[in-house]
Full PDB file with SEQRES, HELIX, SHEET, SSBOND, CRYST1, ORIGX, SCALE, CONECT and MASTER records, all heavy atoms in Angstrom:
SEQRES   1 A   41  THR TYR THR LEU THR GLY PRO GLU LEU LEU SER THR PRO          
SEQRES   2 A   41  ASP GLN VAL SER LEU LEU ARG LYS ALA HIS GLY ARG GLN          
SEQRES   3 A   41  ILE GLY ILE VAL ASP VAL PRO LEU ASP VAL ALA ARG ARG          
SEQRES   4 A   41  GLN LEU                                                      
HELIX    1 AA1 THR A   12  HIS A   23  1                                  12    
HELIX    2 AA2 LEU A   34  GLN A   40  1                                   7    
CRYST1    1.000    1.000    1.000  90.00  90.00  90.00 P 1           1          
ORIGX1      1.000000  0.000000  0.000000        0.00000                         
ORIGX2      0.000000  1.000000  0.000000        0.00000                         
ORIGX3      0.000000  0.000000  1.000000        0.00000                         
SCALE1      1.000000  0.000000  0.000000        0.00000                         
SCALE2      0.000000  1.000000  0.000000        0.00000                         
SCALE3      0.000000  0.000000  1.000000        0.00000                         
ATOM      1  N   THR A   1     -23.275  11.379  -9.878  1.00  0.00           N  
ATOM      2  CA  THR A   1     -22.459  10.566  -8.984  1.00  0.00           C  
ATOM      3  C   THR A   1     -21.129  10.358  -9.667  1.00  0.00           C  
ATOM      4  O   THR A   1     -21.086  10.005 -10.858  1.00  0.00           O  
ATOM      5  CB  THR A   1     -23.129   9.200  -8.715  1.00  0.00           C  
ATOM      6  OG1 THR A   1     -24.405   9.421  -8.130  1.00  0.00           O  
ATOM      7  CG2 THR A   1     -22.278   8.347  -7.797  1.00  0.00           C  
ATOM      8  N   TYR A   2     -20.057  10.558  -8.939  1.00  0.00           N  
ATOM      9  CA  TYR A   2     -18.719  10.422  -9.507  1.00  0.00           C  
ATOM     10  C   TYR A   2     -17.971   9.280  -8.837  1.00  0.00           C  
ATOM     11  O   TYR A   2     -18.074   9.094  -7.627  1.00  0.00           O  
ATOM     12  CB  TYR A   2     -17.924  11.719  -9.331  1.00  0.00           C  
ATOM     13  CG  TYR A   2     -18.549  12.906 -10.030  1.00  0.00           C  
ATOM     14  CD1 TYR A   2     -19.194  13.898  -9.308  1.00  0.00           C  
ATOM     15  CD2 TYR A   2     -18.490  13.020 -11.412  1.00  0.00           C  
ATOM     16  CE1 TYR A   2     -19.770  14.984  -9.949  1.00  0.00           C  
ATOM     17  CE2 TYR A   2     -19.070  14.097 -12.062  1.00  0.00           C  
ATOM     18  CZ  TYR A   2     -19.707  15.076 -11.322  1.00  0.00           C  
ATOM     19  OH  TYR A   2     -20.277  16.145 -11.969  1.00  0.00           O  
ATOM     20  N   THR A   3     -17.238   8.562  -9.637  1.00  0.00           N  
ATOM     21  CA  THR A   3     -16.323   7.547  -9.122  1.00  0.00           C  
ATOM     22  C   THR A   3     -14.928   8.118  -9.303  1.00  0.00           C  
ATOM     23  O   THR A   3     -14.434   8.259 -10.423  1.00  0.00           O  
ATOM     24  CB  THR A   3     -16.468   6.214  -9.887  1.00  0.00           C  
ATOM     25  OG1 THR A   3     -17.814   5.756  -9.710  1.00  0.00           O  
ATOM     26  CG2 THR A   3     -15.489   5.180  -9.363  1.00  0.00           C  
ATOM     27  N   LEU A   4     -14.305   8.458  -8.200  1.00  0.00           N  
ATOM     28  CA  LEU A   4     -13.008   9.130  -8.250  1.00  0.00           C  
ATOM     29  C   LEU A   4     -11.873   8.144  -8.103  1.00  0.00           C  
ATOM     30  O   LEU A   4     -11.916   7.261  -7.248  1.00  0.00           O  
ATOM     31  CB  LEU A   4     -12.923  10.173  -7.129  1.00  0.00           C  
ATOM     32  CG  LEU A   4     -14.041  11.207  -7.090  1.00  0.00           C  
ATOM     33  CD1 LEU A   4     -13.835  12.149  -5.923  1.00  0.00           C  
ATOM     34  CD2 LEU A   4     -14.143  11.957  -8.399  1.00  0.00           C  
ATOM     35  N   THR A   5     -10.863   8.317  -8.936  1.00  0.00           N  
ATOM     36  CA  THR A   5      -9.648   7.515  -8.834  1.00  0.00           C  
ATOM     37  C   THR A   5      -8.460   8.424  -9.108  1.00  0.00           C  
ATOM     38  O   THR A   5      -8.613   9.516  -9.657  1.00  0.00           O  
ATOM     39  CB  THR A   5      -9.615   6.362  -9.859  1.00  0.00           C  
ATOM     40  OG1 THR A   5      -9.432   6.898 -11.178  1.00  0.00           O  
ATOM     41  CG2 THR A   5     -10.881   5.514  -9.803  1.00  0.00           C  
ATOM     42  N   GLY A   6      -7.312   7.944  -8.729  1.00  0.00           N  
ATOM     43  CA  GLY A   6      -6.093   8.618  -9.132  1.00  0.00           C  
ATOM     44  C   GLY A   6      -5.841   8.344 -10.601  1.00  0.00           C  
ATOM     45  O   GLY A   6      -6.633   7.660 -11.273  1.00  0.00           O  
ATOM     46  N   PRO A   7      -4.716   8.827 -11.137  1.00  0.00           N  
ATOM     47  CA  PRO A   7      -4.458   8.698 -12.563  1.00  0.00           C  
ATOM     48  C   PRO A   7      -3.782   7.386 -12.979  1.00  0.00           C  
ATOM     49  O   PRO A   7      -3.548   7.180 -14.167  1.00  0.00           O  
ATOM     50  CB  PRO A   7      -3.525   9.878 -12.839  1.00  0.00           C  
ATOM     51  CG  PRO A   7      -2.762  10.032 -11.566  1.00  0.00           C  
ATOM     52  CD  PRO A   7      -3.749   9.717 -10.475  1.00  0.00           C  
ATOM     53  N   GLU A   8      -3.477   6.526 -12.003  1.00  0.00           N  
ATOM     54  CA  GLU A   8      -2.750   5.295 -12.337  1.00  0.00           C  
ATOM     55  C   GLU A   8      -3.130   4.177 -11.383  1.00  0.00           C  
ATOM     56  O   GLU A   8      -3.484   4.426 -10.234  1.00  0.00           O  
ATOM     57  CB  GLU A   8      -1.243   5.560 -12.260  1.00  0.00           C  
ATOM     58  CG  GLU A   8      -0.813   6.095 -10.907  1.00  0.00           C  
ATOM     59  CD  GLU A   8       0.498   6.851 -10.920  1.00  0.00           C  
ATOM     60  OE1 GLU A   8       1.296   6.682 -11.853  1.00  0.00           O  
ATOM     61  OE2 GLU A   8       0.711   7.624  -9.979  1.00  0.00           O  
ATOM     62  N   LEU A   9      -3.073   2.960 -11.884  1.00  0.00           N  
ATOM     63  CA  LEU A   9      -3.293   1.795 -11.032  1.00  0.00           C  
ATOM     64  C   LEU A   9      -1.962   1.432 -10.385  1.00  0.00           C  
ATOM     65  O   LEU A   9      -0.967   1.222 -11.087  1.00  0.00           O  
ATOM     66  CB  LEU A   9      -3.809   0.604 -11.850  1.00  0.00           C  
ATOM     67  CG  LEU A   9      -5.221   0.729 -12.406  1.00  0.00           C  
ATOM     68  CD1 LEU A   9      -5.549  -0.489 -13.266  1.00  0.00           C  
ATOM     69  CD2 LEU A   9      -6.236   0.890 -11.290  1.00  0.00           C  
ATOM     70  N   LEU A  10      -1.952   1.375  -9.060  1.00  0.00           N  
ATOM     71  CA  LEU A  10      -0.722   1.070  -8.331  1.00  0.00           C  
ATOM     72  C   LEU A  10      -0.972  -0.051  -7.340  1.00  0.00           C  
ATOM     73  O   LEU A  10      -1.923  -0.005  -6.561  1.00  0.00           O  
ATOM     74  CB  LEU A  10      -0.235   2.303  -7.560  1.00  0.00           C  
ATOM     75  CG  LEU A  10       0.141   3.520  -8.385  1.00  0.00           C  
ATOM     76  CD1 LEU A  10       0.389   4.714  -7.471  1.00  0.00           C  
ATOM     77  CD2 LEU A  10       1.372   3.231  -9.225  1.00  0.00           C  
ATOM     78  N   SER A  11      -0.084  -1.026  -7.351  1.00  0.00           N  
ATOM     79  CA  SER A  11      -0.135  -2.071  -6.338  1.00  0.00           C  
ATOM     80  C   SER A  11       0.456  -1.515  -5.042  1.00  0.00           C  
ATOM     81  O   SER A  11       1.081  -0.439  -5.033  1.00  0.00           O  
ATOM     82  CB  SER A  11       0.682  -3.277  -6.801  1.00  0.00           C  
ATOM     83  OG  SER A  11       2.065  -2.916  -6.857  1.00  0.00           O  
ATOM     84  N   THR A  12       0.312  -2.249  -3.966  1.00  0.00           N  
ATOM     85  CA  THR A  12       0.946  -1.835  -2.712  1.00  0.00           C  
ATOM     86  C   THR A  12       2.461  -1.735  -2.884  1.00  0.00           C  
ATOM     87  O   THR A  12       3.051  -0.738  -2.461  1.00  0.00           O  
ATOM     88  CB  THR A  12       0.563  -2.790  -1.572  1.00  0.00           C  
ATOM     89  OG1 THR A  12      -0.863  -2.743  -1.411  1.00  0.00           O  
ATOM     90  CG2 THR A  12       1.231  -2.401  -0.270  1.00  0.00           C  
ATOM     91  N   PRO A  13       3.126  -2.713  -3.504  1.00  0.00           N  
ATOM     92  CA  PRO A  13       4.571  -2.545  -3.723  1.00  0.00           C  
ATOM     93  C   PRO A  13       4.908  -1.302  -4.548  1.00  0.00           C  
ATOM     94  O   PRO A  13       5.910  -0.636  -4.283  1.00  0.00           O  
ATOM     95  CB  PRO A  13       4.981  -3.831  -4.445  1.00  0.00           C  
ATOM     96  CG  PRO A  13       3.979  -4.837  -3.990  1.00  0.00           C  
ATOM     97  CD  PRO A  13       2.683  -4.064  -3.875  1.00  0.00           C  
ATOM     98  N   ASP A  14       4.076  -0.966  -5.536  1.00  0.00           N  
ATOM     99  CA  ASP A  14       4.299   0.256  -6.326  1.00  0.00           C  
ATOM    100  C   ASP A  14       4.233   1.492  -5.432  1.00  0.00           C  
ATOM    101  O   ASP A  14       5.071   2.390  -5.524  1.00  0.00           O  
ATOM    102  CB  ASP A  14       3.243   0.405  -7.422  1.00  0.00           C  
ATOM    103  CG  ASP A  14       3.307  -0.645  -8.508  1.00  0.00           C  
ATOM    104  OD1 ASP A  14       4.382  -1.245  -8.713  1.00  0.00           O  
ATOM    105  OD2 ASP A  14       2.254  -0.867  -9.148  1.00  0.00           O  
ATOM    106  N   GLN A  15       3.224   1.543  -4.571  1.00  0.00           N  
ATOM    107  CA  GLN A  15       3.052   2.686  -3.678  1.00  0.00           C  
ATOM    108  C   GLN A  15       4.232   2.805  -2.713  1.00  0.00           C  
ATOM    109  O   GLN A  15       4.753   3.902  -2.483  1.00  0.00           O  
ATOM    110  CB  GLN A  15       1.746   2.560  -2.892  1.00  0.00           C  
ATOM    111  CG  GLN A  15       0.516   2.677  -3.757  1.00  0.00           C  
ATOM    112  CD  GLN A  15      -0.747   2.400  -2.990  1.00  0.00           C  
ATOM    113  OE1 GLN A  15      -0.905   2.831  -1.853  1.00  0.00           O  
ATOM    114  NE2 GLN A  15      -1.658   1.667  -3.609  1.00  0.00           N  
ATOM    115  N   VAL A  16       4.666   1.688  -2.172  1.00  0.00           N  
ATOM    116  CA  VAL A  16       5.795   1.696  -1.242  1.00  0.00           C  
ATOM    117  C   VAL A  16       7.071   2.134  -1.958  1.00  0.00           C  
ATOM    118  O   VAL A  16       7.871   2.890  -1.408  1.00  0.00           O  
ATOM    119  CB  VAL A  16       5.962   0.319  -0.564  1.00  0.00           C  
ATOM    120  CG1 VAL A  16       7.254   0.242   0.224  1.00  0.00           C  
ATOM    121  CG2 VAL A  16       4.768   0.049   0.340  1.00  0.00           C  
ATOM    122  N   SER A  17       7.250   1.721  -3.184  1.00  0.00           N  
ATOM    123  CA  SER A  17       8.416   2.148  -3.958  1.00  0.00           C  
ATOM    124  C   SER A  17       8.425   3.665  -4.131  1.00  0.00           C  
ATOM    125  O   SER A  17       9.475   4.308  -3.994  1.00  0.00           O  
ATOM    126  CB  SER A  17       8.417   1.459  -5.329  1.00  0.00           C  
ATOM    127  OG  SER A  17       9.486   1.913  -6.109  1.00  0.00           O  
ATOM    128  N   LEU A  18       7.274   4.252  -4.406  1.00  0.00           N  
ATOM    129  CA  LEU A  18       7.187   5.704  -4.543  1.00  0.00           C  
ATOM    130  C   LEU A  18       7.490   6.405  -3.215  1.00  0.00           C  
ATOM    131  O   LEU A  18       8.157   7.439  -3.186  1.00  0.00           O  
ATOM    132  CB  LEU A  18       5.804   6.109  -5.052  1.00  0.00           C  
ATOM    133  CG  LEU A  18       5.500   5.693  -6.489  1.00  0.00           C  
ATOM    134  CD1 LEU A  18       4.029   5.916  -6.817  1.00  0.00           C  
ATOM    135  CD2 LEU A  18       6.387   6.450  -7.465  1.00  0.00           C  
ATOM    136  N   LEU A  19       7.012   5.830  -2.120  1.00  0.00           N  
ATOM    137  CA  LEU A  19       7.323   6.394  -0.801  1.00  0.00           C  
ATOM    138  C   LEU A  19       8.816   6.310  -0.507  1.00  0.00           C  
ATOM    139  O   LEU A  19       9.405   7.258   0.014  1.00  0.00           O  
ATOM    140  CB  LEU A  19       6.532   5.676   0.292  1.00  0.00           C  
ATOM    141  CG  LEU A  19       5.041   5.992   0.346  1.00  0.00           C  
ATOM    142  CD1 LEU A  19       4.326   5.046   1.308  1.00  0.00           C  
ATOM    143  CD2 LEU A  19       4.807   7.433   0.753  1.00  0.00           C  
ATOM    144  N   ARG A  20       9.421   5.181  -0.857  1.00  0.00           N  
ATOM    145  CA  ARG A  20      10.875   5.041  -0.654  1.00  0.00           C  
ATOM    146  C   ARG A  20      11.642   6.134  -1.392  1.00  0.00           C  
ATOM    147  O   ARG A  20      12.557   6.743  -0.853  1.00  0.00           O  
ATOM    148  CB  ARG A  20      11.349   3.676  -1.161  1.00  0.00           C  
ATOM    149  CG  ARG A  20      11.048   2.524  -0.277  1.00  0.00           C  
ATOM    150  CD  ARG A  20      11.658   1.243  -0.867  1.00  0.00           C  
ATOM    151  NE  ARG A  20      11.159   0.094  -0.161  1.00  0.00           N  
ATOM    152  CZ  ARG A  20      10.573  -0.949  -0.739  1.00  0.00           C  
ATOM    153  NH1 ARG A  20      10.444  -1.002  -2.060  1.00  0.00           N  
ATOM    154  NH2 ARG A  20      10.144  -1.955  -0.020  1.00  0.00           N  
ATOM    155  N   LYS A  21      11.261   6.352  -2.647  1.00  0.00           N  
ATOM    156  CA  LYS A  21      11.944   7.366  -3.458  1.00  0.00           C  
ATOM    157  C   LYS A  21      11.753   8.761  -2.873  1.00  0.00           C  
ATOM    158  O   LYS A  21      12.690   9.544  -2.808  1.00  0.00           O  
ATOM    159  CB  LYS A  21      11.432   7.319  -4.899  1.00  0.00           C  
ATOM    160  CG  LYS A  21      11.876   6.104  -5.655  1.00  0.00           C  
ATOM    161  CD  LYS A  21      11.259   6.051  -7.032  1.00  0.00           C  
ATOM    162  CE  LYS A  21      11.571   4.740  -7.712  1.00  0.00           C  
ATOM    163  NZ  LYS A  21      10.830   4.565  -8.961  1.00  0.00           N  
ATOM    164  N   ALA A  22      10.545   9.075  -2.456  1.00  0.00           N  
ATOM    165  CA  ALA A  22      10.252  10.409  -1.937  1.00  0.00           C  
ATOM    166  C   ALA A  22      10.937  10.672  -0.603  1.00  0.00           C  
ATOM    167  O   ALA A  22      11.327  11.792  -0.310  1.00  0.00           O  
ATOM    168  CB  ALA A  22       8.744  10.604  -1.790  1.00  0.00           C  
ATOM    169  N   HIS A  23      11.106   9.623   0.184  1.00  0.00           N  
ATOM    170  CA  HIS A  23      11.640   9.792   1.540  1.00  0.00           C  
ATOM    171  C   HIS A  23      13.095   9.378   1.680  1.00  0.00           C  
ATOM    172  O   HIS A  23      13.710   9.627   2.715  1.00  0.00           O  
ATOM    173  CB  HIS A  23      10.756   9.046   2.537  1.00  0.00           C  
ATOM    174  CG  HIS A  23       9.338   9.516   2.481  1.00  0.00           C  
ATOM    175  ND1 HIS A  23       8.944  10.767   2.892  1.00  0.00           N  
ATOM    176  CD2 HIS A  23       8.219   8.926   2.001  1.00  0.00           C  
ATOM    177  CE1 HIS A  23       7.658  10.909   2.680  1.00  0.00           C  
ATOM    178  NE2 HIS A  23       7.197   9.819   2.130  1.00  0.00           N  
ATOM    179  N   GLY A  24      13.623   8.726   0.651  1.00  0.00           N  
ATOM    180  CA  GLY A  24      15.032   8.361   0.674  1.00  0.00           C  
ATOM    181  C   GLY A  24      15.414   7.381   1.754  1.00  0.00           C  
ATOM    182  O   GLY A  24      16.527   7.421   2.282  1.00  0.00           O  
ATOM    183  N   ARG A  25      14.502   6.506   2.100  1.00  0.00           N  
ATOM    184  CA  ARG A  25      14.823   5.486   3.111  1.00  0.00           C  
ATOM    185  C   ARG A  25      14.037   4.212   2.837  1.00  0.00           C  
ATOM    186  O   ARG A  25      13.081   4.207   2.060  1.00  0.00           O  
ATOM    187  CB  ARG A  25      14.536   6.005   4.507  1.00  0.00           C  
ATOM    188  CG  ARG A  25      13.093   6.276   4.785  1.00  0.00           C  
ATOM    189  CD  ARG A  25      12.924   6.716   6.241  1.00  0.00           C  
ATOM    190  NE  ARG A  25      11.531   6.710   6.577  1.00  0.00           N  
ATOM    191  CZ  ARG A  25      10.917   7.675   7.218  1.00  0.00           C  
ATOM    192  NH1 ARG A  25      11.587   8.726   7.603  1.00  0.00           N  
ATOM    193  NH2 ARG A  25       9.656   7.592   7.494  1.00  0.00           N  
ATOM    194  N   GLN A  26      14.448   3.157   3.484  1.00  0.00           N  
ATOM    195  CA  GLN A  26      13.787   1.870   3.309  1.00  0.00           C  
ATOM    196  C   GLN A  26      12.435   1.859   4.011  1.00  0.00           C  
ATOM    197  O   GLN A  26      12.300   2.337   5.135  1.00  0.00           O  
ATOM    198  CB  GLN A  26      14.652   0.736   3.853  1.00  0.00           C  
ATOM    199  CG  GLN A  26      15.814   0.388   2.956  1.00  0.00           C  
ATOM    200  CD  GLN A  26      15.340  -0.077   1.586  1.00  0.00           C  
ATOM    201  OE1 GLN A  26      14.405  -0.855   1.448  1.00  0.00           O  
ATOM    202  NE2 GLN A  26      15.994   0.428   0.552  1.00  0.00           N  
ATOM    203  N   ILE A  27      11.442   1.352   3.327  1.00  0.00           N  
ATOM    204  CA  ILE A  27      10.105   1.159   3.880  1.00  0.00           C  
ATOM    205  C   ILE A  27       9.701  -0.248   3.471  1.00  0.00           C  
ATOM    206  O   ILE A  27       9.804  -0.609   2.301  1.00  0.00           O  
ATOM    207  CB  ILE A  27       9.102   2.181   3.325  1.00  0.00           C  
ATOM    208  CG1 ILE A  27       9.560   3.604   3.653  1.00  0.00           C  
ATOM    209  CG2 ILE A  27       7.704   1.915   3.878  1.00  0.00           C  
ATOM    210  CD1 ILE A  27       8.753   4.687   2.967  1.00  0.00           C  
ATOM    211  N   GLY A  28       9.258  -1.028   4.421  1.00  0.00           N  
ATOM    212  CA  GLY A  28       8.909  -2.414   4.131  1.00  0.00           C  
ATOM    213  C   GLY A  28       7.407  -2.628   4.028  1.00  0.00           C  
ATOM    214  O   GLY A  28       6.604  -1.752   4.326  1.00  0.00           O  
ATOM    215  N   ILE A  29       7.078  -3.811   3.593  1.00  0.00           N  
ATOM    216  CA  ILE A  29       5.688  -4.244   3.479  1.00  0.00           C  
ATOM    217  C   ILE A  29       5.542  -5.500   4.322  1.00  0.00           C  
ATOM    218  O   ILE A  29       6.384  -6.402   4.251  1.00  0.00           O  
ATOM    219  CB  ILE A  29       5.315  -4.579   2.021  1.00  0.00           C  
ATOM    220  CG1 ILE A  29       5.462  -3.352   1.136  1.00  0.00           C  
ATOM    221  CG2 ILE A  29       3.890  -5.138   1.947  1.00  0.00           C  
ATOM    222  CD1 ILE A  29       5.279  -3.653  -0.342  1.00  0.00           C  
ATOM    223  N   VAL A  30       4.481  -5.567   5.101  1.00  0.00           N  
ATOM    224  CA  VAL A  30       4.185  -6.765   5.876  1.00  0.00           C  
ATOM    225  C   VAL A  30       2.858  -7.305   5.373  1.00  0.00           C  
ATOM    226  O   VAL A  30       1.839  -6.609   5.424  1.00  0.00           O  
ATOM    227  CB  VAL A  30       4.095  -6.446   7.394  1.00  0.00           C  
ATOM    228  CG1 VAL A  30       3.679  -7.680   8.162  1.00  0.00           C  
ATOM    229  CG2 VAL A  30       5.410  -5.890   7.899  1.00  0.00           C  
ATOM    230  N   ASP A  31       2.885  -8.518   4.868  1.00  0.00           N  
ATOM    231  CA  ASP A  31       1.663  -9.150   4.375  1.00  0.00           C  
ATOM    232  C   ASP A  31       0.997  -9.865   5.553  1.00  0.00           C  
ATOM    233  O   ASP A  31       1.515 -10.871   6.049  1.00  0.00           O  
ATOM    234  CB  ASP A  31       1.991 -10.133   3.253  1.00  0.00           C  
ATOM    235  CG  ASP A  31       0.747 -10.719   2.607  1.00  0.00           C  
ATOM    236  OD1 ASP A  31      -0.345 -10.141   2.781  1.00  0.00           O  
ATOM    237  OD2 ASP A  31       0.872 -11.754   1.940  1.00  0.00           O  
ATOM    238  N   VAL A  32      -0.119  -9.340   6.016  1.00  0.00           N  
ATOM    239  CA  VAL A  32      -0.837  -9.925   7.132  1.00  0.00           C  
ATOM    240  C   VAL A  32      -1.937 -10.818   6.571  1.00  0.00           C  
ATOM    241  O   VAL A  32      -2.833 -10.330   5.867  1.00  0.00           O  
ATOM    242  CB  VAL A  32      -1.451  -8.835   8.041  1.00  0.00           C  
ATOM    243  CG1 VAL A  32      -2.221  -9.459   9.200  1.00  0.00           C  
ATOM    244  CG2 VAL A  32      -0.366  -7.891   8.549  1.00  0.00           C  
ATOM    245  N   PRO A  33      -1.882 -12.123   6.846  1.00  0.00           N  
ATOM    246  CA  PRO A  33      -2.938 -13.024   6.361  1.00  0.00           C  
ATOM    247  C   PRO A  33      -4.315 -12.565   6.865  1.00  0.00           C  
ATOM    248  O   PRO A  33      -4.440 -12.015   7.969  1.00  0.00           O  
ATOM    249  CB  PRO A  33      -2.563 -14.388   6.951  1.00  0.00           C  
ATOM    250  CG  PRO A  33      -1.087 -14.285   7.217  1.00  0.00           C  
ATOM    251  CD  PRO A  33      -0.847 -12.853   7.589  1.00  0.00           C  
ATOM    252  N   LEU A  34      -5.334 -12.772   6.053  1.00  0.00           N  
ATOM    253  CA  LEU A  34      -6.665 -12.291   6.389  1.00  0.00           C  
ATOM    254  C   LEU A  34      -7.183 -12.848   7.716  1.00  0.00           C  
ATOM    255  O   LEU A  34      -7.820 -12.120   8.485  1.00  0.00           O  
ATOM    256  CB  LEU A  34      -7.649 -12.605   5.263  1.00  0.00           C  
ATOM    257  CG  LEU A  34      -7.410 -11.866   3.943  1.00  0.00           C  
ATOM    258  CD1 LEU A  34      -8.455 -12.275   2.916  1.00  0.00           C  
ATOM    259  CD2 LEU A  34      -7.408 -10.365   4.135  1.00  0.00           C  
ATOM    260  N   ASP A  35      -6.895 -14.117   8.002  1.00  0.00           N  
ATOM    261  CA  ASP A  35      -7.386 -14.672   9.264  1.00  0.00           C  
ATOM    262  C   ASP A  35      -6.716 -13.995  10.463  1.00  0.00           C  
ATOM    263  O   ASP A  35      -7.338 -13.783  11.503  1.00  0.00           O  
ATOM    264  CB  ASP A  35      -7.212 -16.193   9.309  1.00  0.00           C  
ATOM    265  CG  ASP A  35      -5.775 -16.651   9.182  1.00  0.00           C  
ATOM    266  OD1 ASP A  35      -4.992 -16.026   8.431  1.00  0.00           O  
ATOM    267  OD2 ASP A  35      -5.411 -17.651   9.840  1.00  0.00           O  
ATOM    268  N   VAL A  36      -5.457 -13.626  10.306  1.00  0.00           N  
ATOM    269  CA  VAL A  36      -4.745 -12.922  11.375  1.00  0.00           C  
ATOM    270  C   VAL A  36      -5.300 -11.507  11.526  1.00  0.00           C  
ATOM    271  O   VAL A  36      -5.552 -11.037  12.644  1.00  0.00           O  
ATOM    272  CB  VAL A  36      -3.222 -12.894  11.099  1.00  0.00           C  
ATOM    273  CG1 VAL A  36      -2.499 -12.018  12.104  1.00  0.00           C  
ATOM    274  CG2 VAL A  36      -2.659 -14.311  11.097  1.00  0.00           C  
ATOM    275  N   ALA A  37      -5.521 -10.828  10.418  1.00  0.00           N  
ATOM    276  CA  ALA A  37      -6.073  -9.469  10.460  1.00  0.00           C  
ATOM    277  C   ALA A  37      -7.458  -9.469  11.094  1.00  0.00           C  
ATOM    278  O   ALA A  37      -7.779  -8.605  11.917  1.00  0.00           O  
ATOM    279  CB  ALA A  37      -6.124  -8.879   9.054  1.00  0.00           C  
ATOM    280  N   ARG A  38      -8.267 -10.449  10.732  1.00  0.00           N  
ATOM    281  CA  ARG A  38      -9.615 -10.564  11.315  1.00  0.00           C  
ATOM    282  C   ARG A  38      -9.520 -10.737  12.816  1.00  0.00           C  
ATOM    283  O   ARG A  38     -10.202 -10.050  13.581  1.00  0.00           O  
ATOM    284  CB  ARG A  38     -10.363 -11.735  10.684  1.00  0.00           C  
ATOM    285  CG  ARG A  38     -11.778 -11.903  11.186  1.00  0.00           C  
ATOM    286  CD  ARG A  38     -12.453 -13.134  10.533  1.00  0.00           C  
ATOM    287  NE  ARG A  38     -13.856 -13.180  10.793  1.00  0.00           N  
ATOM    288  CZ  ARG A  38     -14.396 -13.568  11.939  1.00  0.00           C  
ATOM    289  NH1 ARG A  38     -13.629 -13.938  12.955  1.00  0.00           N  
ATOM    290  NH2 ARG A  38     -15.704 -13.581  12.100  1.00  0.00           N  
ATOM    291  N   ARG A  39      -8.673 -11.645  13.267  1.00  0.00           N  
ATOM    292  CA  ARG A  39      -8.500 -11.895  14.699  1.00  0.00           C  
ATOM    293  C   ARG A  39      -8.010 -10.629  15.416  1.00  0.00           C  
ATOM    294  O   ARG A  39      -8.491 -10.289  16.495  1.00  0.00           O  
ATOM    295  CB  ARG A  39      -7.530 -13.047  14.932  1.00  0.00           C  
ATOM    296  CG  ARG A  39      -7.424 -13.438  16.415  1.00  0.00           C  
ATOM    297  CD  ARG A  39      -6.456 -14.581  16.683  1.00  0.00           C  
ATOM    298  NE  ARG A  39      -5.082 -14.081  16.548  1.00  0.00           N  
ATOM    299  CZ  ARG A  39      -4.212 -14.485  15.623  1.00  0.00           C  
ATOM    300  NH1 ARG A  39      -4.542 -15.408  14.747  1.00  0.00           N  
ATOM    301  NH2 ARG A  39      -3.003 -13.974  15.564  1.00  0.00           N  
ATOM    302  N   GLN A  40      -7.069  -9.915  14.809  1.00  0.00           N  
ATOM    303  CA  GLN A  40      -6.543  -8.697  15.424  1.00  0.00           C  
ATOM    304  C   GLN A  40      -7.626  -7.629  15.563  1.00  0.00           C  
ATOM    305  O   GLN A  40      -7.666  -6.912  16.569  1.00  0.00           O  
ATOM    306  CB  GLN A  40      -5.361  -8.156  14.612  1.00  0.00           C  
ATOM    307  CG  GLN A  40      -4.127  -9.023  14.744  1.00  0.00           C  
ATOM    308  CD  GLN A  40      -2.989  -8.578  13.829  1.00  0.00           C  
ATOM    309  OE1 GLN A  40      -3.211  -7.901  12.824  1.00  0.00           O  
ATOM    310  NE2 GLN A  40      -1.780  -8.975  14.172  1.00  0.00           N  
ATOM    311  N   LEU A  41      -8.492  -7.503  14.575  1.00  0.00           N  
ATOM    312  CA  LEU A  41      -9.583  -6.539  14.668  1.00  0.00           C  
ATOM    313  C   LEU A  41     -10.517  -6.878  15.835  1.00  0.00           C  
ATOM    314  O   LEU A  41     -10.924  -5.994  16.600  1.00  0.00           O  
ATOM    315  CB  LEU A  41     -10.371  -6.482  13.360  1.00  0.00           C  
ATOM    316  CG  LEU A  41      -9.706  -5.749  12.204  1.00  0.00           C  
ATOM    317  CD1 LEU A  41     -10.474  -5.981  10.913  1.00  0.00           C  
ATOM    318  CD2 LEU A  41      -9.588  -4.261  12.511  1.00  0.00           C  
TER     319      LEU A  41                                                      
MASTER        0    0    0    2    0    0    0    6  318    1    0    4          
END                                                                             
């Protein structure tokens, strides 16, 4: 049994920063509170 991961620990802001660099444009993050996300589901 294998536990697969990428080579680095990245937060959501870290991931978005990498996307911004790769795409050359602004990408935002929206923090959705858990109770709101639950209700939306």
